[in-house]
Amino acid sequence: ALARDAVRASGAAAVYAEYWDACRMQLLTGTEVPWLTLRGIERNPEGARSALEESPVAYLIRHGHEDALGALAGAPGQGIRIVAERDVGRFRLVVTEGPVPGVSAPSTQGSRAWQVTAAVTAGLMFLGMFVVVGFLGGPRRRFMGA
């Protein structure tokens, strides 16, 4: 509830957070703004593209995430104004007039291709495990007299 209220009050067009925080907040807060991931596979590429054009943008960062908080503190040096900052439970909500380079690095290009490649690779590894187990189990049964 704290995060939902803080995001609504910020007027942000999009909110960046760590992958699992973004997934959880999207489910729990029911806010109208897109929740985008700081790194990893972006699950909302359209929202990420629109966030580049809209203002302001919020970042919901855990207090211990020094890299992201440090990069956000350097936003004015990159010509991006910090509109508001506040603590929200275990998070720091930082609202900027636009996305801050160096804070978020999600993969929007090729995300679907990466997911398909990972799924096919995992499937082949699983199939390979069955082949190996079957091969190792076969001769042993004949040796044991089965």
N, C-alpha and C. Protein backbone atom coordinates (compact mmCIF):
# COMPACT_ATOMS: atom_id res chain seq x y z
N ALA A 1 0.82 -1.19 0.00
CA ALA A 1 0.00 0.00 0.00
C ALA A 1 0.88 1.26 0.00
N LEU A 2 1.98 1.22 0.75
CA LEU A 2 2.88 2.38 0.79
C LEU A 2 3.45 2.67 -0.59
N ALA A 3 3.91 1.62 -1.27
CA ALA A 3 4.49 1.81 -2.60
C ALA A 3 3.44 2.30 -3.58
N ARG A 4 2.26 1.72 -3.55
CA ARG A 4 1.18 2.14 -4.46
C ARG A 4 0.86 3.61 -4.27
N ASP A 5 0.70 4.04 -3.02
CA ASP A 5 0.37 5.43 -2.75
C ASP A 5 1.50 6.37 -3.15
N ALA A 6 2.74 5.96 -2.88
CA ALA A 6 3.89 6.81 -3.23
C ALA A 6 4.02 6.96 -4.74
N VAL A 7 3.81 5.88 -5.48
CA VAL A 7 3.91 5.94 -6.94
C VAL A 7 2.79 6.81 -7.50
N ARG A 8 1.58 6.63 -7.01
CA ARG A 8 0.47 7.46 -7.49
C ARG A 8 0.71 8.94 -7.21
N ALA A 9 1.22 9.24 -6.02
CA ALA A 9 1.48 10.63 -5.66
C ALA A 9 2.61 11.24 -6.48
N SER A 10 3.53 10.41 -6.97
CA SER A 10 4.68 10.92 -7.72
C SER A 10 4.29 11.41 -9.11
N GLY A 11 3.21 10.87 -9.65
CA GLY A 11 2.81 11.23 -11.00
C GLY A 11 3.69 10.62 -12.08
N ALA A 12 4.43 9.58 -11.73
CA ALA A 12 5.36 8.95 -12.67
C ALA A 12 4.61 8.26 -13.80
N ALA A 13 5.20 8.32 -15.00
CA ALA A 13 4.65 7.64 -16.17
C ALA A 13 5.07 6.18 -16.21
N ALA A 14 6.15 5.83 -15.50
CA ALA A 14 6.66 4.46 -15.42
C ALA A 14 7.49 4.34 -14.16
N VAL A 15 7.64 3.11 -13.67
CA VAL A 15 8.43 2.86 -12.47
C VAL A 15 9.43 1.75 -12.77
N TYR A 16 10.69 2.01 -12.49
CA TYR A 16 11.74 1.01 -12.63
C TYR A 16 12.01 0.38 -11.27
N ALA A 17 12.22 -0.94 -11.25
CA ALA A 17 12.58 -1.66 -10.02
C ALA A 17 13.34 -2.92 -10.43
N GLU A 18 13.95 -3.59 -9.46
CA GLU A 18 14.59 -4.87 -9.75
C GLU A 18 13.54 -5.83 -10.28
N TYR A 19 13.96 -6.84 -11.01
CA TYR A 19 13.03 -7.72 -11.72
C TYR A 19 11.92 -8.25 -10.83
N TRP A 20 12.28 -8.91 -9.71
CA TRP A 20 11.24 -9.52 -8.88
C TRP A 20 10.42 -8.46 -8.16
N ASP A 21 11.03 -7.34 -7.81
CA ASP A 21 10.26 -6.26 -7.19
C ASP A 21 9.24 -5.71 -8.18
N ALA A 22 9.65 -5.55 -9.44
CA ALA A 22 8.72 -5.04 -10.47
C ALA A 22 7.56 -6.00 -10.68
N CYS A 23 7.86 -7.31 -10.74
CA CYS A 23 6.79 -8.30 -10.92
C CYS A 23 5.83 -8.26 -9.73
N ARG A 24 6.38 -8.26 -8.54
CA ARG A 24 5.56 -8.30 -7.32
C ARG A 24 4.75 -7.02 -7.17
N MET A 25 5.37 -5.88 -7.40
CA MET A 25 4.66 -4.61 -7.26
C MET A 25 3.55 -4.47 -8.29
N GLN A 26 3.80 -4.93 -9.52
CA GLN A 26 2.76 -4.87 -10.54
C GLN A 26 1.54 -5.66 -10.09
N LEU A 27 1.78 -6.83 -9.49
CA LEU A 27 0.67 -7.66 -9.02
C LEU A 27 -0.02 -7.07 -7.79
N LEU A 28 0.76 -6.55 -6.87
CA LEU A 28 0.20 -6.12 -5.59
C LEU A 28 -0.38 -4.71 -5.58
N THR A 29 0.20 -3.81 -6.36
CA THR A 29 -0.23 -2.42 -6.26
C THR A 29 -1.41 -2.07 -7.14
N GLY A 30 -1.52 -2.74 -8.27
CA GLY A 30 -2.62 -2.42 -9.16
C GLY A 30 -2.54 -1.02 -9.74
N THR A 31 -1.34 -0.44 -9.80
CA THR A 31 -1.20 0.91 -10.33
C THR A 31 -1.36 0.89 -11.84
N GLU A 32 -1.67 2.01 -12.39
CA GLU A 32 -1.90 2.15 -13.82
C GLU A 32 -0.61 2.30 -14.61
N VAL A 33 0.48 2.60 -13.95
CA VAL A 33 1.75 2.83 -14.66
C VAL A 33 2.47 1.51 -14.90
N PRO A 34 3.26 1.42 -15.97
CA PRO A 34 4.02 0.19 -16.20
C PRO A 34 5.18 0.06 -15.21
N TRP A 35 5.40 -1.15 -14.73
CA TRP A 35 6.55 -1.46 -13.88
C TRP A 35 7.60 -2.08 -14.78
N LEU A 36 8.78 -1.49 -14.81
CA LEU A 36 9.85 -1.91 -15.71
C LEU A 36 11.02 -2.43 -14.89
N THR A 37 11.81 -3.31 -15.50
CA THR A 37 12.93 -3.93 -14.79
C THR A 37 14.22 -3.14 -14.99
N LEU A 38 15.03 -3.09 -13.94
CA LEU A 38 16.32 -2.41 -14.01
C LEU A 38 17.30 -3.18 -14.89
N ARG A 39 17.34 -4.49 -14.75
CA ARG A 39 18.24 -5.31 -15.56
C ARG A 39 17.59 -6.65 -15.81
N GLY A 40 18.18 -7.40 -16.71
CA GLY A 40 17.61 -8.69 -17.08
C GLY A 40 16.67 -8.53 -18.25
N ILE A 41 15.76 -9.44 -18.39
CA ILE A 41 14.82 -9.42 -19.50
C ILE A 41 13.65 -8.51 -19.15
N GLU A 42 13.41 -7.54 -20.00
CA GLU A 42 12.28 -6.63 -19.78
C GLU A 42 11.01 -7.34 -20.21
N ARG A 43 10.07 -7.49 -19.28
CA ARG A 43 8.83 -8.19 -19.59
C ARG A 43 7.78 -7.27 -20.18
N ASN A 44 8.09 -5.99 -20.30
CA ASN A 44 7.16 -5.01 -20.87
C ASN A 44 7.92 -4.09 -21.83
N PRO A 45 8.35 -4.60 -22.99
CA PRO A 45 9.16 -3.78 -23.91
C PRO A 45 8.43 -2.53 -24.39
N GLU A 46 7.11 -2.62 -24.60
CA GLU A 46 6.36 -1.44 -25.05
C GLU A 46 6.38 -0.35 -23.98
N GLY A 47 6.20 -0.75 -22.72
CA GLY A 47 6.26 0.21 -21.62
C GLY A 47 7.63 0.84 -21.49
N ALA A 48 8.67 0.05 -21.72
CA ALA A 48 10.03 0.58 -21.64
C ALA A 48 10.28 1.61 -22.74
N ARG A 49 9.79 1.34 -23.94
CA ARG A 49 9.96 2.30 -25.03
C ARG A 49 9.19 3.59 -24.74
N SER A 50 7.98 3.47 -24.22
CA SER A 50 7.20 4.68 -23.93
C SER A 50 7.80 5.46 -22.77
N ALA A 51 8.45 4.77 -21.82
CA ALA A 51 9.08 5.46 -20.70
C ALA A 51 10.21 6.37 -21.15
N LEU A 52 10.84 6.02 -22.27
CA LEU A 52 11.91 6.86 -22.80
C LEU A 52 11.38 8.20 -23.29
N GLU A 53 10.09 8.24 -23.63
CA GLU A 53 9.49 9.46 -24.18
C GLU A 53 8.66 10.23 -23.15
N GLU A 54 8.34 9.60 -22.03
CA GLU A 54 7.44 10.23 -21.06
C GLU A 54 8.21 10.74 -19.85
N SER A 55 7.54 11.57 -19.09
CA SER A 55 8.15 12.17 -17.91
C SER A 55 7.07 12.38 -16.87
N PRO A 56 7.33 12.32 -15.63
CA PRO A 56 8.55 11.84 -14.97
C PRO A 56 8.60 10.32 -14.89
N VAL A 57 9.75 9.81 -14.49
CA VAL A 57 9.98 8.38 -14.32
C VAL A 57 10.40 8.15 -12.88
N ALA A 58 9.87 7.08 -12.28
CA ALA A 58 10.21 6.77 -10.89
C ALA A 58 11.10 5.54 -10.82
N TYR A 59 11.92 5.49 -9.79
CA TYR A 59 12.76 4.34 -9.50
C TYR A 59 12.47 3.91 -8.08
N LEU A 60 12.05 2.65 -7.90
CA LEU A 60 11.82 2.10 -6.57
C LEU A 60 12.97 1.15 -6.29
N ILE A 61 13.94 1.62 -5.49
CA ILE A 61 15.20 0.92 -5.29
C ILE A 61 15.33 0.51 -3.83
N ARG A 62 15.76 -0.73 -3.61
CA ARG A 62 16.02 -1.17 -2.23
C ARG A 62 17.16 -0.34 -1.64
N HIS A 63 17.08 -0.07 -0.34
CA HIS A 63 18.08 0.79 0.31
C HIS A 63 19.51 0.26 0.15
N GLY A 64 19.71 -1.04 0.09
CA GLY A 64 21.05 -1.60 -0.01
C GLY A 64 21.63 -1.61 -1.41
N HIS A 65 20.90 -1.18 -2.41
CA HIS A 65 21.36 -1.23 -3.81
C HIS A 65 22.17 0.04 -4.10
N GLU A 66 23.40 0.05 -3.64
CA GLU A 66 24.25 1.24 -3.73
C GLU A 66 24.57 1.66 -5.16
N ASP A 67 24.72 0.69 -6.07
CA ASP A 67 25.04 1.04 -7.46
C ASP A 67 23.94 1.88 -8.08
N ALA A 68 22.71 1.42 -7.95
CA ALA A 68 21.58 2.15 -8.54
C ALA A 68 21.36 3.49 -7.84
N LEU A 69 21.44 3.49 -6.52
CA LEU A 69 21.23 4.75 -5.79
C LEU A 69 22.33 5.76 -6.10
N GLY A 70 23.56 5.27 -6.25
CA GLY A 70 24.66 6.17 -6.62
C GLY A 70 24.49 6.74 -8.02
N ALA A 71 24.04 5.89 -8.96
CA ALA A 71 23.81 6.37 -10.33
C ALA A 71 22.68 7.39 -10.35
N LEU A 72 21.65 7.17 -9.56
CA LEU A 72 20.55 8.15 -9.50
C LEU A 72 21.01 9.46 -8.88
N ALA A 73 21.89 9.39 -7.89
CA ALA A 73 22.40 10.61 -7.28
C ALA A 73 23.21 11.42 -8.30
N GLY A 74 23.80 10.74 -9.29
CA GLY A 74 24.57 11.43 -10.32
C GLY A 74 23.73 11.93 -11.49
N ALA A 75 22.42 11.76 -11.43
CA ALA A 75 21.54 12.17 -12.53
C ALA A 75 21.66 13.66 -12.88
N PRO A 76 21.71 14.56 -11.87
CA PRO A 76 21.84 15.98 -12.23
C PRO A 76 23.11 16.29 -13.03
N GLY A 77 24.17 15.53 -12.79
CA GLY A 77 25.40 15.71 -13.55
C GLY A 77 25.24 15.30 -15.01
N GLN A 78 24.20 14.52 -15.31
CA GLN A 78 23.91 14.10 -16.68
C GLN A 78 22.81 14.96 -17.30
N GLY A 79 22.42 16.00 -16.57
CA GLY A 79 21.39 16.90 -17.08
C GLY A 79 19.96 16.42 -16.85
N ILE A 80 19.78 15.46 -15.93
CA ILE A 80 18.45 14.95 -15.61
C ILE A 80 18.10 15.37 -14.19
N ARG A 81 17.06 16.15 -14.08
CA ARG A 81 16.65 16.70 -12.78
C ARG A 81 15.94 15.65 -11.94
N ILE A 82 16.28 15.60 -10.65
CA ILE A 82 15.57 14.76 -9.69
C ILE A 82 14.38 15.56 -9.19
N VAL A 83 13.18 15.06 -9.45
CA VAL A 83 11.94 15.77 -9.11
C VAL A 83 11.59 15.58 -7.64
N ALA A 84 11.73 14.35 -7.13
CA ALA A 84 11.37 14.06 -5.74
C ALA A 84 12.10 12.80 -5.28
N GLU A 85 12.29 12.70 -3.97
CA GLU A 85 12.87 11.52 -3.34
C GLU A 85 12.18 11.28 -2.02
N ARG A 86 11.95 10.00 -1.69
CA ARG A 86 11.40 9.69 -0.36
C ARG A 86 11.60 8.22 -0.06
N ASP A 87 11.63 7.90 1.22
CA ASP A 87 11.71 6.52 1.65
C ASP A 87 10.32 5.92 1.67
N VAL A 88 10.23 4.69 1.18
CA VAL A 88 8.96 3.96 1.15
C VAL A 88 9.27 2.57 1.71
N GLY A 89 9.11 2.40 3.01
CA GLY A 89 9.45 1.13 3.65
C GLY A 89 10.92 0.82 3.45
N ARG A 90 11.21 -0.35 2.88
CA ARG A 90 12.61 -0.75 2.65
C ARG A 90 13.16 -0.24 1.33
N PHE A 91 12.39 0.61 0.66
CA PHE A 91 12.78 1.14 -0.65
C PHE A 91 13.02 2.64 -0.58
N ARG A 92 13.71 3.14 -1.60
CA ARG A 92 13.88 4.58 -1.82
C ARG A 92 13.20 4.86 -3.15
N LEU A 93 12.22 5.75 -3.17
CA LEU A 93 11.54 6.16 -4.39
C LEU A 93 12.20 7.44 -4.88
N VAL A 94 12.78 7.38 -6.06
CA VAL A 94 13.42 8.54 -6.67
C VAL A 94 12.69 8.83 -7.97
N VAL A 95 12.20 10.04 -8.11
CA VAL A 95 11.47 10.45 -9.30
C VAL A 95 12.34 11.43 -10.07
N THR A 96 12.58 11.11 -11.36
CA THR A 96 13.41 11.97 -12.20
C THR A 96 12.59 12.45 -13.39
N GLU A 97 13.07 13.46 -14.06
CA GLU A 97 12.32 13.99 -15.22
C GLU A 97 12.43 13.09 -16.44
N GLY A 98 13.21 12.03 -16.38
CA GLY A 98 13.35 11.07 -17.47
C GLY A 98 14.23 9.92 -17.03
N PRO A 99 14.33 8.86 -17.85
CA PRO A 99 15.20 7.74 -17.50
C PRO A 99 16.65 8.17 -17.35
N VAL A 100 17.33 7.60 -16.38
CA VAL A 100 18.72 7.94 -16.09
C VAL A 100 19.62 6.86 -16.69
N PRO A 101 20.47 7.22 -17.66
CA PRO A 101 21.39 6.23 -18.24
C PRO A 101 22.31 5.66 -17.17
N GLY A 102 22.55 4.37 -17.25
CA GLY A 102 23.43 3.72 -16.29
C GLY A 102 22.71 3.12 -15.10
N VAL A 103 21.44 3.48 -14.91
CA VAL A 103 20.70 2.90 -13.80
C VAL A 103 19.99 1.64 -14.26
N SER A 104 19.32 1.73 -15.38
CA SER A 104 18.61 0.56 -15.88
C SER A 104 19.29 0.07 -17.14
N ALA A 105 19.40 -1.25 -17.23
CA ALA A 105 20.00 -1.86 -18.42
C ALA A 105 19.24 -3.13 -18.78
N PRO A 106 17.91 -3.03 -18.96
CA PRO A 106 17.18 -4.23 -19.34
C PRO A 106 17.40 -4.57 -20.81
N SER A 107 17.17 -5.79 -21.14
CA SER A 107 17.30 -6.24 -22.52
C SER A 107 15.92 -6.23 -23.17
N THR A 108 15.65 -5.23 -24.00
CA THR A 108 14.37 -5.20 -24.70
C THR A 108 14.50 -5.80 -26.08
N GLN A 109 15.68 -5.72 -26.67
CA GLN A 109 15.91 -6.32 -27.98
C GLN A 109 16.26 -7.79 -27.80
N GLY A 110 15.55 -8.64 -28.47
CA GLY A 110 15.86 -10.06 -28.40
C GLY A 110 15.39 -10.76 -27.16
N SER A 111 14.57 -10.13 -26.34
CA SER A 111 14.12 -10.76 -25.11
C SER A 111 13.39 -12.06 -25.40
N ARG A 112 12.48 -12.05 -26.35
CA ARG A 112 11.71 -13.25 -26.69
C ARG A 112 12.65 -14.31 -27.25
N ALA A 113 13.60 -13.92 -28.09
CA ALA A 113 14.56 -14.88 -28.65
C ALA A 113 15.39 -15.51 -27.54
N TRP A 114 15.78 -14.72 -26.56
CA TRP A 114 16.56 -15.24 -25.45
C TRP A 114 15.75 -16.24 -24.64
N GLN A 115 14.48 -15.95 -24.40
CA GLN A 115 13.63 -16.86 -23.64
C GLN A 115 13.44 -18.18 -24.39
N VAL A 116 13.23 -18.12 -25.70
CA VAL A 116 13.06 -19.34 -26.49
C VAL A 116 14.35 -20.15 -26.49
N THR A 117 15.48 -19.48 -26.67
CA THR A 117 16.78 -20.17 -26.66
C THR A 117 17.01 -20.86 -25.32
N ALA A 118 16.72 -20.17 -24.24
CA ALA A 118 16.91 -20.75 -22.91
C ALA A 118 15.99 -21.95 -22.70
N ALA A 119 14.75 -21.87 -23.15
CA ALA A 119 13.81 -22.97 -23.00
C ALA A 119 14.23 -24.18 -23.81
N VAL A 120 14.67 -23.97 -25.05
CA VAL A 120 15.12 -25.08 -25.90
C VAL A 120 16.38 -25.72 -25.30
N THR A 121 17.31 -24.91 -24.84
CA THR A 121 18.53 -25.44 -24.22
C THR A 121 18.20 -26.28 -22.99
N ALA A 122 17.31 -25.77 -22.14
CA ALA A 122 16.92 -26.52 -20.94
C ALA A 122 16.25 -27.83 -21.33
N GLY A 123 15.41 -27.81 -22.35
CA GLY A 123 14.75 -29.03 -22.80
C GLY A 123 15.73 -30.06 -23.31
N LEU A 124 16.71 -29.60 -24.09
CA LEU A 124 17.73 -30.52 -24.61
C LEU A 124 18.58 -31.10 -23.49
N MET A 125 18.89 -30.29 -22.49
CA MET A 125 19.66 -30.80 -21.35
C MET A 125 18.85 -31.85 -20.58
N PHE A 126 17.56 -31.61 -20.42
CA PHE A 126 16.69 -32.55 -19.73
C PHE A 126 16.61 -33.87 -20.51
N LEU A 127 16.45 -33.78 -21.84
CA LEU A 127 16.41 -34.96 -22.68
C LEU A 127 17.74 -35.71 -22.61
N GLY A 128 18.84 -34.97 -22.63
CA GLY A 128 20.16 -35.58 -22.51
C GLY A 128 20.33 -36.33 -21.21
N MET A 129 19.74 -35.81 -20.13
CA MET A 129 19.82 -36.48 -18.84
C MET A 129 19.14 -37.85 -18.93
N PHE A 130 17.99 -37.92 -19.60
CA PHE A 130 17.29 -39.19 -19.74
C PHE A 130 18.12 -40.19 -20.56
N VAL A 131 18.78 -39.71 -21.59
CA VAL A 131 19.61 -40.59 -22.41
C VAL A 131 20.75 -41.15 -21.59
N VAL A 132 21.41 -40.30 -20.82
CA VAL A 132 22.53 -40.75 -19.99
C VAL A 132 22.06 -41.72 -18.92
N VAL A 133 20.98 -41.40 -18.24
CA VAL A 133 20.46 -42.28 -17.20
C VAL A 133 20.02 -43.61 -17.81
N GLY A 134 19.37 -43.56 -18.97
CA GLY A 134 18.97 -44.80 -19.64
C GLY A 134 20.15 -45.64 -20.06
N PHE A 135 21.19 -45.00 -20.55
CA PHE A 135 22.39 -45.72 -20.97
C PHE A 135 23.09 -46.36 -19.77
N LEU A 136 23.20 -45.62 -18.69
CA LEU A 136 23.86 -46.14 -17.50
C LEU A 136 23.02 -47.22 -16.82
N GLY A 137 21.72 -47.07 -16.87
CA GLY A 137 20.84 -48.04 -16.21
C GLY A 137 20.70 -49.33 -17.00
N GLY A 138 20.83 -49.29 -18.33
CA GLY A 138 20.63 -50.47 -19.17
C GLY A 138 21.62 -51.59 -18.90
N PRO A 139 22.92 -51.37 -19.03
CA PRO A 139 23.89 -52.46 -18.83
C PRO A 139 23.87 -53.01 -17.41
N ARG A 140 23.59 -52.19 -16.42
CA ARG A 140 23.60 -52.64 -15.04
C ARG A 140 22.50 -53.67 -14.81
N ARG A 141 21.35 -53.45 -15.42
CA ARG A 141 20.26 -54.42 -15.22
C ARG A 141 20.63 -55.78 -15.80
N ARG A 142 21.26 -55.80 -16.95
CA ARG A 142 21.65 -57.09 -17.53
C ARG A 142 22.72 -57.75 -16.69
N PHE A 143 23.62 -56.96 -16.13
CA PHE A 143 24.68 -57.53 -15.30
C PHE A 143 24.12 -58.12 -14.00
N MET A 144 23.09 -57.46 -13.46
CA MET A 144 22.51 -57.90 -12.18
C MET A 144 21.57 -59.10 -12.39
N GLY A 145 21.39 -59.53 -13.63
CA GLY A 145 20.55 -60.68 -13.89
C GLY A 145 19.09 -60.33 -14.08
N ALA A 146 18.77 -59.05 -14.30
CA ALA A 146 17.38 -58.65 -14.48
C ALA A 146 16.91 -58.89 -15.87
